[in-house]
C-alpha atoms as a PDB file:
ATOM      1  CA  UNK A   1     -12.666  29.924 -57.063  1.00  0.00           C
ATOM      2  CA  UNK A   2     -15.619  30.640 -54.796  1.00  0.00           C
ATOM      3  CA  UNK A   3     -16.433  26.939 -54.855  1.00  0.00           C
ATOM      4  CA  UNK A   4     -12.882  26.115 -53.730  1.00  0.00           C
ATOM      5  CA  UNK A   5     -13.062  28.603 -50.859  1.00  0.00           C
ATOM      6  CA  UNK A   6     -16.424  27.247 -49.714  1.00  0.00           C
ATOM      7  CA  UNK A   7     -15.136  23.664 -49.878  1.00  0.00           C
ATOM      8  CA  UNK A   8     -12.022  24.577 -47.869  1.00  0.00           C
ATOM      9  CA  UNK A   9     -14.128  26.380 -45.253  1.00  0.00           C
ATOM     10  CA  UNK A  10     -16.492  23.381 -45.001  1.00  0.00           C
ATOM     11  CA  UNK A  11     -13.608  20.987 -44.519  1.00  0.00           C
ATOM     12  CA  UNK A  12     -12.038  23.215 -41.882  1.00  0.00           C
ATOM     13  CA  UNK A  13     -15.296  23.425 -39.946  1.00  0.00           C
ATOM     14  CA  UNK A  14     -15.911  19.694 -40.259  1.00  0.00           C
ATOM     15  CA  UNK A  15     -12.398  18.959 -38.937  1.00  0.00           C
ATOM     16  CA  UNK A  16     -12.887  21.282 -35.968  1.00  0.00           C
ATOM     17  CA  UNK A  17     -16.253  19.715 -35.151  1.00  0.00           C
ATOM     18  CA  UNK A  18     -14.800  16.199 -35.397  1.00  0.00           C
ATOM     19  CA  UNK A  19     -11.934  17.155 -33.091  1.00  0.00           C
ATOM     20  CA  UNK A  20     -14.340  18.642 -30.557  1.00  0.00           C
ATOM     21  CA  UNK A  21     -16.532  15.534 -30.685  1.00  0.00           C
ATOM     22  CA  UNK A  22     -13.628  13.099 -30.112  1.00  0.00           C
ATOM     23  CA  UNK A  23     -12.315  15.224 -27.258  1.00  0.00           C
ATOM     24  CA  UNK A  24     -15.571  14.797 -25.339  1.00  0.00           C
ATOM     25  CA  UNK A  25     -16.032  11.066 -26.049  1.00  0.00           C
ATOM     26  CA  UNK A  26     -14.649   8.585 -23.504  1.00  0.00           C
ATOM     27  CA  UNK A  27     -11.706   6.456 -24.515  1.00  0.00           C
ATOM     28  CA  UNK A  28     -12.763   3.124 -25.966  1.00  0.00           C
ATOM     29  CA  UNK A  29      -9.444   1.357 -25.470  1.00  0.00           C
ATOM     30  CA  UNK A  30      -9.452  -0.935 -22.430  1.00  0.00           C
ATOM     31  CA  UNK A  31      -7.090   0.144 -19.715  1.00  0.00           C
ATOM     32  CA  UNK A  32      -5.050  -2.058 -17.416  1.00  0.00           C
ATOM     33  CA  UNK A  33      -6.367  -2.383 -13.902  1.00  0.00           C
ATOM     34  CA  UNK A  34      -5.035  -3.838 -10.701  1.00  0.00           C
ATOM     35  CA  UNK A  35      -7.022  -6.995 -11.419  1.00  0.00           C
ATOM     36  CA  UNK A  36      -5.498  -7.496 -14.854  1.00  0.00           C
ATOM     37  CA  UNK A  37      -3.217 -10.514 -14.514  1.00  0.00           C
ATOM     38  CA  UNK A  38       0.390 -10.279 -15.632  1.00  0.00           C
ATOM     39  CA  UNK A  39       1.312 -12.242 -18.751  1.00  0.00           C
ATOM     40  CA  UNK A  40       2.241 -15.847 -18.035  1.00  0.00           C
ATOM     41  CA  UNK A  41       5.829 -16.317 -16.966  1.00  0.00           C
ATOM     42  CA  UNK A  42       6.329 -12.754 -15.789  1.00  0.00           C
ATOM     43  CA  UNK A  43       6.309 -11.403 -12.292  1.00  0.00           C
ATOM     44  CA  UNK A  44       6.844  -7.794 -11.376  1.00  0.00           C
ATOM     45  CA  UNK A  45      10.010  -7.348  -9.327  1.00  0.00           C
ATOM     46  CA  UNK A  46       8.079  -5.766  -6.477  1.00  0.00           C
ATOM     47  CA  UNK A  47       5.950  -8.905  -6.147  1.00  0.00           C
ATOM     48  CA  UNK A  48       8.953 -11.241  -5.767  1.00  0.00           C
ATOM     49  CA  UNK A  49       9.421 -12.735  -2.330  1.00  0.00           C
ATOM     50  CA  UNK A  50      13.007 -12.662  -1.064  1.00  0.00           C
ATOM     51  CA  UNK A  51      13.685 -15.997   0.609  1.00  0.00           C
ATOM     52  CA  UNK A  52      16.572 -14.421   2.534  1.00  0.00           C
ATOM     53  CA  UNK A  53      14.422 -11.819   4.305  1.00  0.00           C
ATOM     54  CA  UNK A  54      10.735 -12.780   4.021  1.00  0.00           C
ATOM     55  CA  UNK A  55       8.729 -13.408   7.154  1.00  0.00           C
ATOM     56  CA  UNK A  56       7.021 -16.717   7.797  1.00  0.00           C
ATOM     57  CA  UNK A  57       3.677 -15.158   6.830  1.00  0.00           C
ATOM     58  CA  UNK A  58       5.086 -13.856   3.539  1.00  0.00           C
ATOM     59  CA  UNK A  59       6.520 -17.274   2.683  1.00  0.00           C
ATOM     60  CA  UNK A  60       3.252 -19.033   3.490  1.00  0.00           C
ATOM     61  CA  UNK A  61       1.527 -17.087   0.697  1.00  0.00           C
ATOM     62  CA  UNK A  62       3.465 -19.226  -1.779  1.00  0.00           C
ATOM     63  CA  UNK A  63       1.687 -22.372  -3.033  1.00  0.00           C
ATOM     64  CA  UNK A  64       2.977 -25.508  -1.316  1.00  0.00           C
ATOM     65  CA  UNK A  65       4.605 -23.561   1.510  1.00  0.00           C
ATOM     66  CA  UNK A  66       2.962 -24.092   4.864  1.00  0.00           C
ATOM     67  CA  UNK A  67       4.127 -23.408   8.385  1.00  0.00           C
ATOM     68  CA  UNK A  68       6.752 -26.190   8.475  1.00  0.00           C
ATOM     69  CA  UNK A  69       8.311 -25.348   5.114  1.00  0.00           C
ATOM     70  CA  UNK A  70       8.322 -21.633   5.859  1.00  0.00           C
ATOM     71  CA  UNK A  71      10.173 -22.300   9.111  1.00  0.00           C
ATOM     72  CA  UNK A  72      12.614 -24.596   7.285  1.00  0.00           C
ATOM     73  CA  UNK A  73      13.294 -21.885   4.678  1.00  0.00           C
ATOM     74  CA  UNK A  74      13.994 -19.364   7.423  1.00  0.00           C
ATOM     75  CA  UNK A  75      16.246 -21.804   9.318  1.00  0.00           C
ATOM     76  CA  UNK A  76      18.298 -22.552   6.182  1.00  0.00           C
ATOM     77  CA  UNK A  77      19.252 -18.927   5.492  1.00  0.00           C
ATOM     78  CA  UNK A  78      21.192 -17.394   3.889  1.00  0.00           C
ATOM     79  CA  UNK A  79      20.773 -18.682   0.345  1.00  0.00           C
ATOM     80  CA  UNK A  80      23.137 -17.758  -2.467  1.00  0.00           C
ATOM     81  CA  UNK A  81      20.501 -18.692  -5.036  1.00  0.00           C
ATOM     82  CA  UNK A  82      16.866 -19.670  -4.928  1.00  0.00           C
ATOM     83  CA  UNK A  83      17.684 -23.103  -6.347  1.00  0.00           C
ATOM     84  CA  UNK A  84      19.401 -23.920  -3.036  1.00  0.00           C
ATOM     85  CA  UNK A  85      15.944 -24.602  -1.619  1.00  0.00           C
ATOM     86  CA  UNK A  86      15.962 -27.866  -3.566  1.00  0.00           C
ATOM     87  CA  UNK A  87      19.696 -28.583  -3.311  1.00  0.00           C
ATOM     88  CA  UNK A  88      19.551 -28.280   0.507  1.00  0.00           C
ATOM     89  CA  UNK A  89      16.395 -30.458   0.567  1.00  0.00           C
ATOM     90  CA  UNK A  90      14.309 -27.656   2.082  1.00  0.00           C
ATOM     91  CA  UNK A  91      11.471 -28.175  -0.418  1.00  0.00           C
ATOM     92  CA  UNK A  92      10.820 -30.804  -3.116  1.00  0.00           C
ATOM     93  CA  UNK A  93      11.431 -30.063  -6.796  1.00  0.00           C
ATOM     94  CA  UNK A  94       7.700 -29.991  -7.587  1.00  0.00           C
ATOM     95  CA  UNK A  95       7.027 -27.243  -5.049  1.00  0.00           C
ATOM     96  CA  UNK A  96      10.065 -25.306  -6.280  1.00  0.00           C
ATOM     97  CA  UNK A  97       8.821 -25.562  -9.874  1.00  0.00           C
ATOM     98  CA  UNK A  98       5.551 -23.970  -8.768  1.00  0.00           C
ATOM     99  CA  UNK A  99       7.138 -21.024  -6.932  1.00  0.00           C
ATOM    100  CA  UNK A 100      10.447 -20.305  -8.680  1.00  0.00           C
ATOM    101  CA  UNK A 101       8.986 -17.437 -10.728  1.00  0.00           C
ATOM    102  CA  UNK A 102       7.753 -15.762  -7.525  1.00  0.00           C
ATOM    103  CA  UNK A 103      10.881 -15.910  -5.388  1.00  0.00           C
ATOM    104  CA  UNK A 104      14.346 -14.377  -5.333  1.00  0.00           C
ATOM    105  CA  UNK A 105      17.438 -14.760  -3.135  1.00  0.00           C
ATOM    106  CA  UNK A 106      18.884 -11.277  -2.732  1.00  0.00           C
ATOM    107  CA  UNK A 107      22.376 -11.011  -1.315  1.00  0.00           C
ATOM    108  CA  UNK A 108      22.908  -8.747   1.680  1.00  0.00           C
END
């Protein structure tokens, strides 16, 4: 019986010491940072550019959109859907394919 009590006390102390040690050790799991890219095919909603309200400068951030195309996008407003950029011949299909995941056409 004394052996059992000593074993139980040893285990209790060892568990407490292990808990104290892990509490002071830094986390080893990598954490997400602002530089961690989003998984392919996903774009946070806040990062979407609304083609119905974006400024010329905001539109020019998009690949394939320069000054002339940004002005054409603004002149063609409002859009009921982002695919209207191609249907109204504002931008070519290839450019649209490259930016469609980054744009939205919100209705006002």
